[in-house]
């Protein structure tokens, strides 16, 4: 799920939230029928079903779920598979 606050990712049973503050500064949120984060030159796009490489920077364990906070604002992190090119 992608919204103006950031995006949610899944890794197995774990839900990971990446805040817009932890997304590179050159990526901006684009609203519309398919919300996404896109680079200024349009070469990289994060949207629903995109595969991303991220780093987990925080966790919280609940009685039934595990929640994580992640970042893609680091070297070698970001989109690794764009569903629109498949």
N, C-alpha and C. Protein backbone atom coordinates (compact mmCIF):
# COMPACT_ATOMS: atom_id res chain seq x y z
N UNK A 1 0.85 -1.18 0.00
CA UNK A 1 0.00 0.00 0.00
C UNK A 1 0.89 1.24 0.00
N UNK A 2 0.56 2.18 -0.85
CA UNK A 2 1.33 3.42 -0.97
C UNK A 2 0.42 4.61 -0.67
N UNK A 3 0.85 5.51 0.21
CA UNK A 3 0.10 6.75 0.46
C UNK A 3 1.08 7.88 0.73
N UNK A 4 0.57 9.08 0.98
CA UNK A 4 1.45 10.24 1.13
C UNK A 4 2.32 10.17 2.39
N UNK A 5 1.96 9.32 3.34
CA UNK A 5 2.76 9.17 4.56
C UNK A 5 3.95 8.24 4.36
N UNK A 6 3.91 7.40 3.31
CA UNK A 6 4.96 6.43 3.05
C UNK A 6 4.35 5.21 2.37
N UNK A 7 4.98 4.05 2.57
CA UNK A 7 4.39 2.83 2.02
C UNK A 7 4.60 1.65 2.96
N UNK A 8 3.71 0.67 2.84
CA UNK A 8 3.79 -0.56 3.61
C UNK A 8 4.33 -1.66 2.71
N UNK A 9 5.23 -2.46 3.25
CA UNK A 9 5.78 -3.61 2.53
C UNK A 9 5.58 -4.85 3.39
N UNK A 10 5.71 -6.00 2.77
CA UNK A 10 5.60 -7.27 3.48
C UNK A 10 6.85 -8.10 3.22
N UNK A 11 7.32 -8.75 4.26
CA UNK A 11 8.41 -9.72 4.14
C UNK A 11 7.97 -10.94 4.95
N UNK A 12 7.39 -11.92 4.26
CA UNK A 12 6.81 -13.06 4.96
C UNK A 12 5.66 -12.58 5.82
N UNK A 13 5.66 -12.91 7.12
CA UNK A 13 4.56 -12.50 8.00
C UNK A 13 4.71 -11.08 8.56
N UNK A 14 5.78 -10.39 8.21
CA UNK A 14 6.11 -9.10 8.83
C UNK A 14 5.61 -7.94 7.96
N UNK A 15 4.91 -6.99 8.61
CA UNK A 15 4.51 -5.75 7.96
C UNK A 15 5.60 -4.71 8.23
N UNK A 16 6.06 -4.03 7.18
CA UNK A 16 7.11 -3.03 7.31
C UNK A 16 6.59 -1.70 6.77
N UNK A 17 6.71 -0.64 7.57
CA UNK A 17 6.31 0.69 7.13
C UNK A 17 7.56 1.50 6.83
N UNK A 18 7.59 2.11 5.65
CA UNK A 18 8.67 3.02 5.27
C UNK A 18 8.06 4.42 5.16
N UNK A 19 8.41 5.29 6.09
CA UNK A 19 7.89 6.66 6.13
C UNK A 19 8.45 7.47 4.97
N UNK A 20 7.71 8.51 4.57
CA UNK A 20 8.21 9.37 3.48
C UNK A 20 9.50 10.09 3.89
N UNK A 21 9.80 10.18 5.19
CA UNK A 21 11.05 10.76 5.65
C UNK A 21 12.22 9.80 5.45
N UNK A 22 11.92 8.52 5.24
CA UNK A 22 12.95 7.51 5.05
C UNK A 22 13.01 7.03 3.60
N UNK A 23 12.43 7.83 2.71
CA UNK A 23 12.50 7.62 1.27
C UNK A 23 13.41 8.71 0.72
N UNK A 24 14.26 8.41 -0.26
CA UNK A 24 15.18 9.44 -0.78
C UNK A 24 14.46 10.74 -1.17
N UNK A 25 15.15 11.86 -0.98
CA UNK A 25 14.56 13.18 -1.21
C UNK A 25 14.16 13.42 -2.66
N UNK A 26 14.78 12.71 -3.60
CA UNK A 26 14.44 12.94 -5.01
C UNK A 26 13.18 12.20 -5.45
N UNK A 27 12.56 11.44 -4.52
CA UNK A 27 11.31 10.74 -4.86
C UNK A 27 10.13 11.52 -4.28
N UNK A 28 9.12 11.76 -5.11
CA UNK A 28 7.94 12.50 -4.68
C UNK A 28 6.69 11.64 -4.83
N UNK A 29 5.74 11.87 -3.93
CA UNK A 29 4.48 11.15 -3.97
C UNK A 29 3.61 11.66 -5.11
N UNK A 30 3.07 10.74 -5.88
CA UNK A 30 2.14 11.06 -6.97
C UNK A 30 0.81 10.40 -6.66
N UNK A 31 -0.23 11.20 -6.48
CA UNK A 31 -1.56 10.63 -6.21
C UNK A 31 -2.23 10.30 -7.54
N UNK A 32 -3.36 9.63 -7.46
CA UNK A 32 -4.10 9.25 -8.66
C UNK A 32 -4.70 7.87 -8.50
N UNK A 33 -5.05 7.24 -9.61
CA UNK A 33 -5.66 5.92 -9.52
C UNK A 33 -4.65 4.86 -9.09
N UNK A 34 -3.34 5.09 -9.31
CA UNK A 34 -2.29 4.19 -8.83
C UNK A 34 -1.25 5.03 -8.11
N UNK A 35 -1.46 5.32 -6.78
CA UNK A 35 -0.53 6.16 -6.05
C UNK A 35 0.88 5.56 -6.06
N UNK A 36 1.90 6.43 -6.14
CA UNK A 36 3.27 5.94 -6.19
C UNK A 36 4.24 7.02 -5.78
N UNK A 37 5.47 6.60 -5.54
CA UNK A 37 6.60 7.51 -5.34
C UNK A 37 7.47 7.40 -6.59
N UNK A 38 7.76 8.53 -7.22
CA UNK A 38 8.52 8.54 -8.47
C UNK A 38 9.69 9.50 -8.36
N UNK A 39 10.82 9.12 -8.96
CA UNK A 39 11.97 10.03 -9.01
C UNK A 39 11.65 11.18 -9.95
N UNK A 40 12.39 12.27 -9.82
CA UNK A 40 12.12 13.47 -10.62
C UNK A 40 12.28 13.20 -12.12
N UNK A 41 13.16 12.27 -12.49
CA UNK A 41 13.32 11.96 -13.92
C UNK A 41 12.39 10.83 -14.39
N UNK A 42 11.62 10.25 -13.46
CA UNK A 42 10.65 9.22 -13.82
C UNK A 42 11.24 7.84 -14.04
N UNK A 43 12.52 7.65 -13.74
CA UNK A 43 13.17 6.37 -14.01
C UNK A 43 12.85 5.30 -12.98
N UNK A 44 12.52 5.69 -11.75
CA UNK A 44 12.22 4.73 -10.69
C UNK A 44 10.85 5.07 -10.10
N UNK A 45 10.04 4.02 -9.92
CA UNK A 45 8.68 4.21 -9.40
C UNK A 45 8.39 3.12 -8.38
N UNK A 46 7.91 3.53 -7.18
CA UNK A 46 7.46 2.58 -6.16
C UNK A 46 5.95 2.66 -6.12
N UNK A 47 5.29 1.53 -6.38
CA UNK A 47 3.83 1.46 -6.35
C UNK A 47 3.43 0.11 -5.82
N UNK A 48 2.14 -0.15 -5.76
CA UNK A 48 1.64 -1.44 -5.29
C UNK A 48 2.27 -2.56 -6.11
N UNK A 49 2.71 -3.61 -5.45
CA UNK A 49 3.34 -4.80 -6.04
C UNK A 49 4.78 -4.58 -6.49
N UNK A 50 5.38 -3.41 -6.23
CA UNK A 50 6.81 -3.23 -6.51
C UNK A 50 7.61 -4.04 -5.50
N UNK A 51 8.73 -4.60 -5.93
CA UNK A 51 9.64 -5.28 -5.01
C UNK A 51 10.76 -4.31 -4.67
N UNK A 52 10.97 -4.12 -3.36
CA UNK A 52 11.99 -3.18 -2.91
C UNK A 52 12.95 -3.87 -1.95
N UNK A 53 14.18 -3.39 -1.98
CA UNK A 53 15.17 -3.81 -0.99
C UNK A 53 15.22 -2.69 0.04
N UNK A 54 15.01 -3.06 1.31
CA UNK A 54 15.01 -2.05 2.36
C UNK A 54 15.81 -2.54 3.55
N UNK A 55 16.03 -1.63 4.48
CA UNK A 55 16.73 -1.96 5.71
C UNK A 55 15.78 -1.72 6.87
N UNK A 56 15.62 -2.71 7.75
CA UNK A 56 14.78 -2.57 8.93
C UNK A 56 15.57 -1.82 10.00
N UNK A 57 14.95 -0.74 10.51
CA UNK A 57 15.65 0.08 11.51
C UNK A 57 14.97 0.05 12.88
N UNK A 58 13.78 -0.57 12.95
CA UNK A 58 13.08 -0.67 14.23
C UNK A 58 12.01 -1.74 14.18
N UNK A 59 11.74 -2.36 15.34
CA UNK A 59 10.70 -3.40 15.40
C UNK A 59 9.83 -3.20 16.63
N UNK A 60 8.61 -3.73 16.53
CA UNK A 60 7.69 -3.77 17.66
C UNK A 60 6.93 -5.08 17.58
N UNK A 61 6.93 -5.83 18.66
CA UNK A 61 6.25 -7.12 18.67
C UNK A 61 4.97 -6.98 19.48
N UNK A 62 3.86 -7.36 18.86
CA UNK A 62 2.55 -7.37 19.50
C UNK A 62 2.22 -8.81 19.86
N UNK A 63 1.07 -9.04 20.48
CA UNK A 63 0.68 -10.40 20.84
C UNK A 63 0.50 -11.28 19.61
N UNK A 64 0.04 -10.70 18.51
CA UNK A 64 -0.25 -11.50 17.33
C UNK A 64 0.51 -11.07 16.08
N UNK A 65 1.20 -9.93 16.11
CA UNK A 65 1.86 -9.42 14.91
C UNK A 65 3.23 -8.84 15.24
N UNK A 66 4.04 -8.72 14.20
CA UNK A 66 5.33 -8.04 14.29
C UNK A 66 5.29 -6.86 13.33
N UNK A 67 5.60 -5.68 13.82
CA UNK A 67 5.63 -4.47 13.01
C UNK A 67 7.06 -3.96 12.92
N UNK A 68 7.44 -3.47 11.76
CA UNK A 68 8.80 -2.95 11.57
C UNK A 68 8.75 -1.59 10.89
N UNK A 69 9.78 -0.80 11.14
CA UNK A 69 10.01 0.45 10.44
C UNK A 69 11.24 0.23 9.58
N UNK A 70 11.14 0.63 8.31
CA UNK A 70 12.25 0.43 7.39
C UNK A 70 12.65 1.71 6.70
N UNK A 71 13.78 1.66 5.99
CA UNK A 71 14.27 2.78 5.21
C UNK A 71 14.78 2.29 3.86
N UNK A 72 14.66 3.15 2.85
CA UNK A 72 15.31 2.89 1.56
C UNK A 72 16.27 4.04 1.25
N UNK A 73 16.57 4.83 2.27
CA UNK A 73 17.43 6.01 2.11
C UNK A 73 18.88 5.64 2.44
N UNK A 74 19.43 4.70 1.68
CA UNK A 74 20.79 4.25 1.91
C UNK A 74 21.30 3.62 0.61
N UNK A 75 22.58 3.37 0.53
CA UNK A 75 23.17 2.77 -0.67
C UNK A 75 22.60 1.38 -0.92
N UNK A 76 22.38 1.04 -2.17
CA UNK A 76 21.94 -0.27 -2.64
C UNK A 76 20.52 -0.64 -2.21
N UNK A 77 19.73 0.32 -1.72
CA UNK A 77 18.35 0.07 -1.33
C UNK A 77 17.41 0.72 -2.34
N UNK A 78 16.20 0.18 -2.44
CA UNK A 78 15.20 0.75 -3.34
C UNK A 78 14.54 -0.32 -4.19
N UNK A 79 13.97 0.08 -5.30
CA UNK A 79 13.23 -0.83 -6.18
C UNK A 79 14.17 -1.84 -6.82
N UNK A 80 13.80 -3.13 -6.74
CA UNK A 80 14.56 -4.16 -7.43
C UNK A 80 13.74 -4.83 -8.53
N UNK A 81 12.40 -4.65 -8.49
CA UNK A 81 11.55 -5.18 -9.56
C UNK A 81 10.31 -4.32 -9.67
N UNK A 82 10.13 -3.72 -10.85
CA UNK A 82 8.99 -2.85 -11.11
C UNK A 82 7.91 -3.66 -11.84
N UNK A 83 6.69 -3.77 -11.27
CA UNK A 83 5.65 -4.59 -11.89
C UNK A 83 5.19 -4.08 -13.24
N UNK A 84 5.43 -2.80 -13.56
CA UNK A 84 4.98 -2.27 -14.84
C UNK A 84 5.88 -2.71 -15.98
N UNK A 85 7.11 -3.16 -15.67
CA UNK A 85 8.01 -3.60 -16.73
C UNK A 85 7.97 -5.11 -16.92
N UNK A 86 7.23 -5.82 -16.08
CA UNK A 86 7.17 -7.29 -16.16
C UNK A 86 6.28 -7.75 -17.30
